[in-house]
Amino acid sequence: MRFVSKTAAAAAALGCFVAAAPSHSETFRWAFQGDVQTMDPHGLFETMTLGFQRSIYEGLVARDENMKLVGALAERWENVEPNTWRFHLRKGVRFHDGSAFAADDVAFSVERIRSEGSDLKVVAQLIEETRIVDDHTIDFITPAPNPILPLQLEIFYIMDREWAERNNATEVTSVKGGDEGNYANLNANGTGPFTLESRQSGVKTELVANPDYWGEMKGNVTQAVFTPISQDATRLAALISGNVHMAYPVPVQDWQRLADADGVRPLAGPEARTIFLGFDQIRDELLYSDVKGRNPFKDLRVRQAFIQAIDIEAIRKKVMRGASVPAGLMVAPQVNGFTEALNDRPPHDPAKARELLAEAGYPDGFAVTMDCPNDRYVNDERICQAVASMLAKIGVKVTLLAQTKSKYFGKVLAQNGYDTSFFLLGWTPSTFDSHNPISSLMACRGGEDKIGAFNLGGYCNPRINELAALIQSETDQAKRQAMIDEAFRIHRDEVGHIPLHQQPLSWGVSEQVDLVQRPDNVLDLRYVTVR
């Protein structure tokens, strides 16, 4: 009785969740620990936001329930010349407002992601120019041969040129954690299986099925209601009480509670997301530290000290309850290019870490502020607290700044000048290929090649940029793998970042629901059935 009473009390606090949907309803309700950051499909490169937008907007390509790359707004594509990819567009597709989809919308969307506020410049730099062949055929001209271009376009969604022009949304406005500033941040007009019914930032977002959708819906959902619930206990209570059909993430320490409850089940699996730490290695003086006149993270010995101070097994056992997989590389085993032989890490050795700090000129350690989201990854704030405690044992005094993901990303990303000295981040390669993290996270940023946009700390070895370009164009798989291994080896030896682990997929699902759990942690509403 005590357990039921606590659950009911927590559920009553939800307000908008008081009335649960009947079991036969085609309304699907789900909750995540943070909100969707924007409705603008070109605003933020973040898995949860882009995954949500996938129900409204579409790209030229997509992934099916088995993660196979399939045609979406492009029926087929071909590499007609070394530097030219031709996409044959699907005919008869209309945007939600009834306007026809055509090649002009694709060309417009390519230009739009080049705008200052867009977080998808990593995609824009792949395309030198577009050439419209006819209304349903378009060529992408690449700066160099790029045999993997279609793989890199899954997160590039197409916007209606006329709608954007009519609503003064031809440029992307930086969200910086809020919806203000652009009509496209709060409104949407895609070609996808669902239309945006209503949006209350931080409260609730409602979608309804698109009756004119060109594609196949394998589920039966006609209305989908998303609500962010930041508190783990409240989110779990909403699921157990039947007020939502699905909630994620579920803290790993609550898996047993979910398994013991009636009508719900935990749904866990390996996620292709690597959680890692990074440091500002580009500024001459850290923004948030008591060290003045120099940057301790420019010294390899300091970075080595940090990785040897972190007890990854303790994090796995105590914080992640044995559900994480310790990582030595910036990619998971599911990602093409992963090499098990390189997936090692130096031993946990606090004494050696203190020795390295002393050699670097910090025998008493130093103070630094650590940026951490508290509603984005599984047990993210707990991980940061554990890291801070471990670093304290070697004299490093960490001030933890844990914030909701909207504030966190608004602070640390390029749009705000990479305002961080030490941070935790997670990354799932959208292409499921190692080139993605090499070019996005590990390459020097700010160069003519325009890669390294998500290298928040500014780690830089020019050889990695050279390798990124070669890996992108190499078709010989053995040569390509050797270059991937070289890039990972350089990055590991220089402690460019500190990989921690691959987190588990951790969902809680009602027994009234059938759905597909993708290894990139994206919920695809096309495959949801409510019984």
Protein backbone atom coordinates (compact mmCIF):
# COMPACT_ATOMS: atom_id res chain seq x y z
CA MET A 1 0.00 0.00 0.00
CA ARG A 2 2.81 2.42 0.76
CA PHE A 3 4.30 2.00 -2.76
CA VAL A 4 0.89 2.60 -4.41
CA SER A 5 0.28 5.66 -2.27
CA LYS A 6 3.60 7.25 -3.22
CA THR A 7 3.03 6.56 -6.89
CA ALA A 8 -0.44 8.04 -6.83
CA ALA A 9 0.78 11.14 -5.05
CA ALA A 10 3.55 11.70 -7.58
CA ALA A 11 1.17 11.16 -10.48
CA ALA A 12 -1.30 13.65 -9.05
CA ALA A 13 1.42 16.29 -9.17
CA LEU A 14 1.62 16.01 -12.95
CA GLY A 15 -1.42 18.18 -13.64
CA CYS A 16 -1.81 17.64 -17.37
CA PHE A 17 -1.40 13.88 -16.93
CA VAL A 18 -4.37 13.34 -14.63
CA ALA A 19 -6.60 11.83 -17.32
CA ALA A 20 -5.02 8.73 -18.80
CA ALA A 21 -5.80 7.64 -22.34
CA PRO A 22 -8.01 4.54 -22.58
CA SER A 23 -6.28 1.36 -23.71
CA HIS A 24 -7.98 1.31 -27.12
CA SER A 25 -7.07 4.90 -27.97
CA GLU A 26 -4.80 5.77 -30.85
CA THR A 27 -3.38 8.61 -28.77
CA PHE A 28 0.18 7.97 -27.71
CA ARG A 29 1.64 9.89 -24.75
CA TRP A 30 5.30 9.91 -23.88
CA ALA A 31 7.76 11.76 -21.69
CA PHE A 32 11.46 12.58 -21.81
CA GLN A 33 13.65 14.19 -19.16
CA GLY A 34 14.10 17.40 -21.20
CA ASP A 35 12.16 19.36 -23.77
CA VAL A 36 12.54 19.53 -27.53
CA GLN A 37 14.68 22.63 -28.01
CA THR A 38 13.10 24.04 -31.18
CA MET A 39 10.78 23.17 -34.04
CA ASP A 40 13.30 24.57 -36.53
CA PRO A 41 14.83 21.54 -38.29
CA HIS A 42 18.05 23.47 -38.92
CA GLY A 43 18.42 24.99 -35.47
CA LEU A 44 20.14 22.44 -33.25
CA PHE A 45 22.29 19.37 -33.86
CA GLU A 46 21.01 17.30 -30.96
CA THR A 47 19.71 13.75 -31.18
CA MET A 48 16.52 14.13 -29.16
CA THR A 49 15.47 17.33 -30.94
CA LEU A 50 16.26 15.98 -34.42
CA GLY A 51 14.61 12.66 -33.59
CA PHE A 52 11.42 14.42 -32.54
CA GLN A 53 11.45 16.63 -35.63
CA ARG A 54 11.68 13.48 -37.78
CA SER A 55 7.96 13.00 -37.25
CA ILE A 56 7.27 16.42 -38.81
CA TYR A 57 10.08 17.01 -41.30
CA GLU A 58 11.86 14.62 -43.62
CA GLY A 59 15.17 14.43 -45.38
CA LEU A 60 16.19 12.96 -48.69
CA VAL A 61 17.07 9.73 -46.87
CA ALA A 62 15.95 8.06 -43.66
CA ARG A 63 16.43 4.88 -41.65
CA ASP A 64 13.83 2.16 -41.34
CA GLU A 65 13.01 0.08 -38.28
CA ASN A 66 16.15 -2.01 -38.88
CA MET A 67 18.38 1.09 -39.21
CA LYS A 68 18.78 0.46 -42.94
CA LEU A 69 19.26 3.61 -45.01
CA VAL A 70 16.24 4.04 -47.29
CA GLY A 71 14.83 6.70 -49.56
CA ALA A 72 12.57 9.35 -48.08
CA LEU A 73 12.05 12.52 -50.12
CA ALA A 74 14.53 11.06 -52.60
CA GLU A 75 13.42 7.82 -54.23
CA ARG A 76 16.93 7.00 -55.37
CA TRP A 77 20.39 8.54 -55.82
CA GLU A 78 23.54 7.94 -57.79
CA ASN A 79 27.13 9.15 -57.87
CA VAL A 80 27.09 10.36 -61.50
CA GLU A 81 30.58 11.91 -61.32
CA PRO A 82 33.28 11.74 -58.63
CA ASN A 83 32.13 15.06 -57.17
CA THR A 84 28.44 14.89 -58.08
CA TRP A 85 25.58 13.07 -56.39
CA ARG A 86 22.23 13.13 -58.20
CA PHE A 87 19.04 12.74 -56.16
CA HIS A 88 15.81 11.75 -57.87
CA LEU A 89 13.03 13.27 -55.78
CA ARG A 90 9.73 11.69 -54.89
CA LYS A 91 6.80 13.05 -56.90
CA GLY A 92 3.40 13.92 -55.49
CA VAL A 93 4.67 14.88 -52.02
CA ARG A 94 3.11 17.91 -50.36
CA PHE A 95 4.01 19.95 -47.32
CA HIS A 96 1.50 20.09 -44.51
CA ASP A 97 0.05 23.38 -45.82
CA GLY A 98 -0.66 21.74 -49.17
CA SER A 99 2.18 23.22 -51.20
CA ALA A 100 4.10 20.90 -53.52
CA PHE A 101 7.57 19.62 -52.66
CA ALA A 102 10.17 20.21 -55.39
CA ALA A 103 13.91 20.51 -56.02
CA ASP A 104 13.79 24.25 -55.28
CA ASP A 105 12.93 23.44 -51.63
CA VAL A 106 15.99 21.19 -51.38
CA ALA A 107 18.29 23.86 -52.80
CA PHE A 108 16.78 26.44 -50.44
CA SER A 109 17.29 24.16 -47.43
CA VAL A 110 20.96 23.67 -48.31
CA GLU A 111 21.47 27.42 -48.34
CA ARG A 112 19.46 27.87 -45.15
CA ILE A 113 21.76 25.61 -43.11
CA ARG A 114 24.64 27.89 -44.08
CA SER A 115 23.05 30.78 -42.16
CA GLU A 116 24.75 32.08 -39.04
CA GLY A 117 22.28 30.66 -36.55
CA SER A 118 22.23 27.12 -37.91
CA ASP A 119 23.80 24.33 -35.91
CA LEU A 120 23.99 22.10 -39.00
CA LYS A 121 26.93 23.73 -40.77
CA VAL A 122 28.65 20.35 -40.47
CA VAL A 123 26.24 19.21 -43.18
CA ALA A 124 26.48 22.43 -45.19
CA GLN A 125 30.23 22.07 -45.63
CA LEU A 126 29.69 18.73 -47.37
CA ILE A 127 27.95 20.44 -50.28
CA GLU A 128 29.79 23.00 -52.41
CA GLU A 129 26.76 23.85 -54.54
CA THR A 130 23.42 22.54 -55.74
CA ARG A 131 22.24 22.33 -59.34
CA ILE A 132 18.57 21.86 -60.11
CA VAL A 133 18.18 19.54 -63.10
CA ASP A 134 14.37 19.70 -63.09
CA ASP A 135 11.57 19.95 -60.52
CA HIS A 136 12.30 16.46 -59.22
CA THR A 137 16.02 16.05 -59.83
CA ILE A 138 18.86 17.86 -58.08
CA ASP A 139 22.64 17.49 -58.07
CA PHE A 140 24.83 18.01 -55.00
CA ILE A 141 28.34 19.07 -55.95
CA THR A 142 30.85 18.10 -53.27
CA PRO A 143 34.25 19.77 -52.66
CA ALA A 144 35.93 16.37 -53.19
CA PRO A 145 34.75 12.85 -53.96
CA ASN A 146 32.51 11.70 -51.12
CA PRO A 147 31.31 8.09 -51.34
CA ILE A 148 29.43 8.33 -48.02
CA LEU A 149 27.42 11.51 -48.67
CA PRO A 150 23.96 9.84 -48.51
CA LEU A 151 24.84 8.46 -45.06
CA GLN A 152 25.61 11.98 -43.90
CA LEU A 153 22.25 13.43 -44.93
CA GLU A 154 19.82 11.61 -42.62
CA ILE A 155 19.61 14.57 -40.23
CA PHE A 156 19.26 17.15 -43.04
CA TYR A 157 15.56 17.94 -43.25
CA ILE A 158 13.84 19.84 -46.05
CA MET A 159 11.89 23.04 -45.45
CA ASP A 160 9.34 24.67 -47.78
CA ARG A 161 10.89 27.76 -49.38
CA GLU A 162 7.57 29.56 -49.84
CA TRP A 163 6.49 28.95 -46.23
CA ALA A 164 9.83 30.19 -44.92
CA GLU A 165 9.71 33.33 -47.07
CA ARG A 166 6.09 34.05 -46.16
CA ASN A 167 6.89 33.82 -42.45
CA ASN A 168 10.24 35.63 -42.51
CA ALA A 169 12.07 32.45 -41.54
CA THR A 170 14.61 32.16 -44.37
CA GLU A 171 17.46 32.48 -41.86
CA VAL A 172 18.03 30.27 -38.83
CA THR A 173 17.94 32.11 -35.53
CA SER A 174 20.04 30.73 -32.69
CA VAL A 175 17.72 29.28 -30.07
CA LYS A 176 20.21 29.44 -27.18
CA GLY A 177 17.83 27.39 -25.11
CA GLY A 178 14.60 29.19 -26.06
CA ASP A 179 11.92 29.35 -28.73
CA GLU A 180 12.00 33.09 -29.25
CA GLY A 181 13.39 34.85 -32.29
CA ASN A 182 12.05 32.98 -35.29
CA TYR A 183 8.64 31.80 -36.51
CA ALA A 184 10.17 28.42 -37.36
CA ASN A 185 11.18 27.85 -33.75
CA LEU A 186 7.53 27.56 -32.66
CA ASN A 187 5.79 26.51 -35.87
CA ALA A 188 6.41 23.82 -38.48
CA ASN A 189 5.49 22.85 -42.02
CA GLY A 190 7.10 19.61 -43.11
CA THR A 191 6.22 16.64 -45.27
CA GLY A 192 6.39 14.05 -42.49
CA PRO A 193 3.84 11.62 -41.01
CA PHE A 194 2.70 14.08 -38.31
CA THR A 195 1.76 17.75 -38.24
CA LEU A 196 2.38 20.14 -35.36
CA GLU A 197 -0.93 20.73 -33.58
CA SER A 198 0.30 22.86 -30.66
CA ARG A 199 3.52 23.82 -28.93
CA GLN A 200 3.94 25.05 -25.37
CA SER A 201 7.65 25.25 -24.76
CA GLY A 202 8.62 23.40 -21.60
CA VAL A 203 5.07 22.14 -21.08
CA LYS A 204 3.63 20.06 -23.91
CA THR A 205 3.86 19.51 -27.67
CA GLU A 206 1.02 17.82 -29.58
CA LEU A 207 1.21 16.17 -32.99
CA VAL A 208 -1.58 14.76 -35.16
CA ALA A 209 -1.28 12.27 -38.00
CA ASN A 210 -0.86 13.75 -41.48
CA PRO A 211 -3.81 12.37 -43.50
CA ASP A 212 -1.98 13.07 -46.76
CA TYR A 213 1.32 11.44 -45.82
CA TRP A 214 2.95 9.80 -48.84
CA GLY A 215 4.67 7.04 -46.87
CA GLU A 216 3.66 3.96 -44.90
CA MET A 217 2.62 4.14 -41.25
CA LYS A 218 3.25 0.76 -39.64
CA GLY A 219 1.72 1.91 -36.35
CA ASN A 220 -1.74 3.23 -35.55
CA VAL A 221 -1.07 6.50 -33.72
CA THR A 222 -3.29 9.38 -34.80
CA GLN A 223 -2.36 11.79 -32.01
CA ALA A 224 0.94 12.01 -30.13
CA VAL A 225 1.41 14.06 -26.99
CA PHE A 226 4.90 14.77 -25.67
CA THR A 227 5.60 16.24 -22.24
CA PRO A 228 9.01 16.91 -20.72
CA ILE A 229 9.26 15.65 -17.12
CA SER A 230 12.59 16.51 -15.58
CA GLN A 231 12.29 14.60 -12.31
CA ASP A 232 13.10 10.89 -12.56
CA ALA A 233 10.60 9.86 -9.88
CA THR A 234 7.76 11.87 -11.40
CA ARG A 235 8.48 10.54 -14.89
CA LEU A 236 8.49 6.97 -13.62
CA ALA A 237 5.29 7.56 -11.65
CA ALA A 238 3.58 8.87 -14.79
CA LEU A 239 4.42 5.63 -16.57
CA ILE A 240 3.43 3.27 -13.77
CA SER A 241 0.14 5.07 -13.19
CA GLY A 242 -0.73 4.82 -16.90
CA ASN A 243 -0.66 8.53 -17.65
CA VAL A 244 2.04 8.06 -20.29
CA HIS A 245 2.69 5.05 -22.47
CA MET A 246 6.44 5.49 -22.62
CA ALA A 247 9.05 7.36 -20.58
CA TYR A 248 12.79 7.71 -20.95
CA PRO A 249 15.38 7.57 -19.72
CA VAL A 250 14.61 5.37 -16.74
CA PRO A 251 17.45 5.56 -14.18
CA VAL A 252 19.16 2.20 -14.16
CA GLN A 253 18.64 2.00 -10.41
CA ASP A 254 14.87 1.92 -11.07
CA TRP A 255 14.83 -0.96 -13.56
CA GLN A 256 13.79 -3.49 -10.94
CA ARG A 257 10.98 -1.28 -9.68
CA LEU A 258 9.66 -1.03 -13.22
CA ALA A 259 9.96 -4.78 -13.77
CA ASP A 260 7.97 -5.40 -10.58
CA ALA A 261 5.15 -2.98 -11.46
CA ASP A 262 1.98 -4.11 -13.26
CA GLY A 263 1.28 -3.13 -16.84
CA VAL A 264 4.73 -1.74 -17.68
CA ARG A 265 8.15 -3.09 -18.54
CA PRO A 266 11.71 -1.81 -18.79
CA LEU A 267 13.15 -1.80 -22.29
CA ALA A 268 16.93 -1.74 -22.29
CA GLY A 269 19.60 -2.33 -24.88
CA PRO A 270 23.01 -1.15 -26.05
CA GLU A 271 23.11 2.44 -27.27
CA ALA A 272 25.61 3.66 -29.83
CA ARG A 273 26.24 6.81 -27.79
CA THR A 274 29.59 7.50 -26.17
CA ILE A 275 29.65 9.73 -23.08
CA PHE A 276 32.91 11.65 -22.69
CA LEU A 277 34.65 14.57 -21.00
CA GLY A 278 36.38 17.43 -22.78
CA PHE A 279 38.56 20.38 -21.83
CA ASP A 280 39.26 23.83 -23.25
CA GLN A 281 42.64 23.39 -24.92
CA ILE A 282 42.50 26.45 -27.17
CA ARG A 283 42.40 29.51 -24.91
CA ASP A 284 45.60 30.82 -23.34
CA GLU A 285 43.72 31.19 -20.05
CA LEU A 286 40.69 29.22 -18.92
CA LEU A 287 37.44 31.12 -18.51
CA TYR A 288 36.53 29.34 -15.30
CA SER A 289 39.59 28.48 -13.19
CA ASP A 290 41.83 29.93 -10.49
CA VAL A 291 44.87 29.44 -12.75
CA LYS A 292 45.76 32.79 -14.30
CA GLY A 293 48.03 33.52 -17.22
CA ARG A 294 48.07 29.98 -18.59
CA ASN A 295 45.84 27.08 -19.45
CA PRO A 296 46.62 23.84 -17.59
CA PHE A 297 44.73 21.75 -20.16
CA LYS A 298 47.25 22.66 -22.84
CA ASP A 299 49.67 20.40 -20.96
CA LEU A 300 49.36 16.73 -21.92
CA ARG A 301 50.43 15.71 -18.41
CA VAL A 302 47.36 17.42 -16.92
CA ARG A 303 45.04 15.66 -19.34
CA GLN A 304 46.75 12.36 -18.58
CA ALA A 305 46.34 13.05 -14.86
CA PHE A 306 42.60 13.58 -15.32
CA ILE A 307 42.03 10.31 -17.15
CA GLN A 308 44.08 8.34 -14.62
CA ALA A 309 42.22 9.95 -11.73
CA ILE A 310 38.86 8.70 -13.04
CA ASP A 311 37.81 5.26 -11.82
CA ILE A 312 35.61 4.16 -14.73
CA GLU A 313 34.79 0.84 -13.05
CA ALA A 314 33.43 2.66 -10.01
CA ILE A 315 31.23 4.77 -12.29
CA ARG A 316 30.04 1.62 -14.06
CA LYS A 317 29.22 -0.22 -10.84
CA LYS A 318 27.98 2.54 -8.53
CA VAL A 319 26.50 5.18 -10.83
CA MET A 320 25.38 3.07 -13.79
CA ARG A 321 24.56 -0.08 -11.79
CA GLY A 322 26.64 -2.23 -14.13
CA ALA A 323 24.65 -1.19 -17.23
CA SER A 324 27.28 0.92 -19.01
CA VAL A 325 30.19 -0.28 -21.16
CA PRO A 326 33.52 1.46 -20.37
CA ALA A 327 35.02 3.13 -23.44
CA GLY A 328 38.50 3.88 -24.66
CA LEU A 329 37.40 5.22 -28.05
CA MET A 330 35.05 7.98 -29.10
CA VAL A 331 32.81 5.47 -30.90
CA ALA A 332 30.75 2.49 -29.80
CA PRO A 333 31.19 -1.08 -31.11
CA GLN A 334 28.06 -0.65 -33.30
CA VAL A 335 29.76 2.13 -35.30
CA ASN A 336 31.61 1.33 -38.52
CA GLY A 337 35.35 1.77 -37.97
CA PHE A 338 35.42 0.68 -34.31
CA THR A 339 38.55 -1.35 -33.49
CA GLU A 340 38.50 -3.38 -30.29
CA ALA A 341 42.30 -3.40 -30.00
CA LEU A 342 42.30 0.39 -29.62
CA ASN A 343 39.44 0.47 -27.12
CA ASP A 344 41.65 0.47 -24.05
CA ARG A 345 42.35 3.18 -21.50
CA PRO A 346 45.15 3.85 -19.00
CA PRO A 347 44.66 2.31 -15.55
CA HIS A 348 43.04 4.16 -12.69
CA ASP A 349 46.05 5.41 -10.73
CA PRO A 350 45.50 8.46 -8.46
CA ALA A 351 49.13 8.40 -7.27
CA LYS A 352 50.39 8.62 -10.85
CA ALA A 353 47.83 11.35 -11.54
CA ARG A 354 49.13 13.45 -8.64
CA GLU A 355 52.68 12.90 -9.88
CA LEU A 356 51.75 14.11 -13.36
CA LEU A 357 50.04 17.22 -11.97
CA ALA A 358 53.15 18.03 -9.93
CA GLU A 359 55.38 17.60 -12.99
CA ALA A 360 53.11 20.00 -14.89
CA GLY A 361 53.49 22.62 -12.15
CA TYR A 362 50.31 22.00 -10.16
CA PRO A 363 51.43 20.07 -7.07
CA ASP A 364 48.43 21.35 -5.12
CA GLY A 365 46.02 20.98 -8.00
CA PHE A 366 43.80 23.82 -9.20
CA ALA A 367 40.15 24.83 -9.42
CA VAL A 368 37.93 24.58 -12.50
CA THR A 369 34.23 24.77 -13.30
CA MET A 370 32.63 21.77 -15.01
CA ASP A 371 29.58 22.17 -17.29
CA CYS A 372 27.13 19.28 -17.19
CA PRO A 373 23.57 18.70 -18.35
CA ASN A 374 21.19 17.27 -15.76
CA ASP A 375 18.41 16.11 -18.07
CA ARG A 376 20.03 14.84 -21.25
CA TYR A 377 21.93 11.57 -20.68
CA VAL A 378 21.39 8.60 -18.39
CA ASN A 379 22.46 9.66 -14.87
CA ASP A 380 24.37 12.61 -16.35
CA GLU A 381 24.57 14.77 -13.22
CA ARG A 382 25.48 11.75 -11.09
CA ILE A 383 28.34 10.98 -13.47
CA CYS A 384 29.63 14.53 -13.17
CA GLN A 385 29.38 14.39 -9.38
CA ALA A 386 31.39 11.18 -9.35
CA VAL A 387 34.06 12.68 -11.63
CA ALA A 388 34.30 15.76 -9.41
CA SER A 389 34.76 13.56 -6.34
CA MET A 390 37.51 11.53 -8.03
CA LEU A 391 39.37 14.64 -9.20
CA ALA A 392 39.19 16.07 -5.68
CA LYS A 393 41.39 13.18 -4.56
CA ILE A 394 44.24 14.52 -6.71
CA GLY A 395 43.74 18.12 -5.61
CA VAL A 396 41.53 19.37 -8.45
CA LYS A 397 38.62 21.34 -7.02
CA VAL A 398 35.65 21.09 -9.40
CA THR A 399 32.73 23.49 -9.20
CA LEU A 400 29.88 21.66 -10.88
CA LEU A 401 27.50 23.71 -13.01
CA ALA A 402 24.71 21.24 -13.80
CA GLN A 403 21.84 22.73 -15.81
CA THR A 404 18.86 21.72 -17.89
CA LYS A 405 19.96 20.83 -21.39
CA SER A 406 18.51 23.98 -22.94
CA LYS A 407 20.74 26.16 -20.78
CA TYR A 408 23.68 23.77 -21.05
CA PHE A 409 23.71 23.60 -24.84
CA GLY A 410 22.93 27.31 -25.09
CA LYS A 411 26.12 27.93 -23.10
CA VAL A 412 28.68 25.50 -24.51
CA LEU A 413 27.97 25.30 -28.25
CA ALA A 414 29.42 27.40 -31.07
CA GLN A 415 26.45 29.76 -31.04
CA ASN A 416 27.66 31.06 -27.68
CA GLY A 417 31.38 30.94 -28.40
CA TYR A 418 32.12 27.58 -26.74
CA ASP A 419 31.69 29.07 -23.28
CA THR A 420 33.17 26.25 -21.22
CA SER A 421 36.41 25.11 -19.61
CA PHE A 422 35.55 21.51 -18.76
CA PHE A 423 32.44 19.60 -19.81
CA LEU A 424 30.55 16.34 -20.24
CA LEU A 425 28.97 15.51 -23.59
CA GLY A 426 27.49 12.50 -25.38
CA TRP A 427 27.64 11.66 -29.09
CA THR A 428 25.90 9.19 -31.37
CA PRO A 429 27.24 9.33 -34.96
CA SER A 430 24.25 10.13 -37.16
CA THR A 431 25.89 8.15 -39.98
CA PHE A 432 26.93 5.22 -37.75
CA ASP A 433 30.37 5.70 -39.28
CA SER A 434 33.60 6.77 -37.53
CA HIS A 435 34.15 9.64 -39.94
CA ASN A 436 31.36 11.52 -38.17
CA PRO A 437 33.01 11.90 -34.72
CA ILE A 438 36.45 12.29 -36.28
CA SER A 439 35.31 15.27 -38.35
CA SER A 440 32.83 16.71 -35.84
CA LEU A 441 34.49 16.15 -32.44
CA MET A 442 38.18 15.49 -32.99
CA ALA A 443 39.22 17.70 -35.92
CA CYS A 444 40.65 21.17 -35.36
CA ARG A 445 37.85 23.70 -35.54
CA GLY A 446 37.82 27.04 -37.33
CA GLY A 447 39.85 26.01 -40.38
CA GLU A 448 39.10 26.39 -44.06
CA ASP A 449 37.69 22.87 -44.11
CA LYS A 450 34.94 24.06 -41.71
CA ILE A 451 34.93 20.85 -39.69
CA GLY A 452 35.34 20.34 -35.95
CA ALA A 453 32.20 22.36 -35.17
CA PHE A 454 31.42 20.22 -32.09
CA ASN A 455 34.99 20.12 -30.84
CA LEU A 456 33.94 22.28 -27.89
CA GLY A 457 37.35 22.32 -26.26
CA GLY A 458 39.35 23.11 -29.38
CA TYR A 459 41.65 20.06 -29.27
CA CYS A 460 43.80 20.25 -32.40
CA ASN A 461 46.16 18.00 -34.29
CA PRO A 462 46.24 18.98 -38.00
CA ARG A 463 46.91 15.39 -39.00
CA ILE A 464 43.40 14.46 -37.88
CA ASN A 465 41.96 17.06 -40.27
CA GLU A 466 44.04 15.56 -43.07
CA LEU A 467 42.80 12.10 -42.17
CA ALA A 468 39.17 13.26 -41.97
CA ALA A 469 39.33 14.44 -45.59
CA LEU A 470 41.00 11.23 -46.73
CA ILE A 471 38.58 8.99 -44.82
CA GLN A 472 35.61 10.76 -46.37
CA SER A 473 36.78 10.09 -49.93
CA GLU A 474 38.55 6.72 -49.61
CA THR A 475 36.71 3.77 -51.17
CA ASP A 476 39.26 1.06 -50.34
CA GLN A 477 37.92 -0.23 -47.01
CA ALA A 478 41.27 -1.55 -45.74
CA LYS A 479 43.00 1.76 -46.40
CA ARG A 480 40.07 3.64 -44.92
CA GLN A 481 40.16 1.56 -41.73
CA ALA A 482 43.89 2.14 -41.34
CA MET A 483 43.32 5.90 -41.49
CA ILE A 484 40.46 5.70 -38.98
CA ASP A 485 42.72 3.74 -36.63
CA GLU A 486 45.49 6.33 -37.04
CA ALA A 487 43.12 9.16 -36.14
CA PHE A 488 41.82 7.36 -33.05
CA ARG A 489 45.36 6.44 -31.98
CA ILE A 490 46.56 10.05 -32.21
CA HIS A 491 43.54 11.30 -30.30
CA ARG A 492 43.90 8.64 -27.60
CA ASP A 493 47.64 9.23 -27.09
CA GLU A 494 47.10 12.99 -26.80
CA VAL A 495 44.04 12.60 -24.54
CA GLY A 496 42.04 14.87 -26.82
CA HIS A 497 38.97 13.90 -24.80
CA ILE A 498 38.28 11.38 -22.06
CA PRO A 499 35.82 8.71 -23.24
CA LEU A 500 33.84 7.35 -20.29
CA HIS A 501 31.33 4.77 -21.48
CA GLN A 502 28.53 3.80 -23.80
CA GLN A 503 25.34 4.41 -21.88
CA PRO A 504 22.48 1.90 -22.04
CA LEU A 505 19.20 2.54 -23.78
CA SER A 506 16.86 2.85 -20.84
CA TRP A 507 13.17 3.13 -21.67
CA GLY A 508 10.05 2.32 -19.72
CA VAL A 509 7.10 1.16 -21.82
CA SER A 510 3.44 0.34 -21.18
CA GLU A 511 2.36 -3.19 -22.07
CA GLN A 512 -0.36 -1.51 -24.17
CA VAL A 513 2.29 -0.33 -26.61
CA ASP A 514 4.48 -1.89 -29.28
CA LEU A 515 7.36 0.18 -30.63
CA VAL A 516 10.88 -0.01 -32.04
CA GLN A 517 13.86 0.84 -29.84
CA ARG A 518 16.57 2.20 -32.11
CA PRO A 519 20.24 2.06 -31.00
CA ASP A 520 20.50 5.83 -31.54
CA ASN A 521 17.82 6.40 -28.86
CA VAL A 522 15.35 7.91 -31.33
CA LEU A 523 11.65 7.18 -30.95
CA ASP A 524 10.07 6.81 -34.41
CA LEU A 525 6.31 7.37 -34.17
CA ARG A 526 5.74 5.57 -37.49
CA TYR A 527 6.30 2.26 -35.70
CA VAL A 528 4.25 2.85 -32.53
CA THR A 529 1.06 0.85 -31.99
CA VAL A 530 -1.28 1.47 -29.06
CA ARG A 531 -3.50 -1.52 -28.29
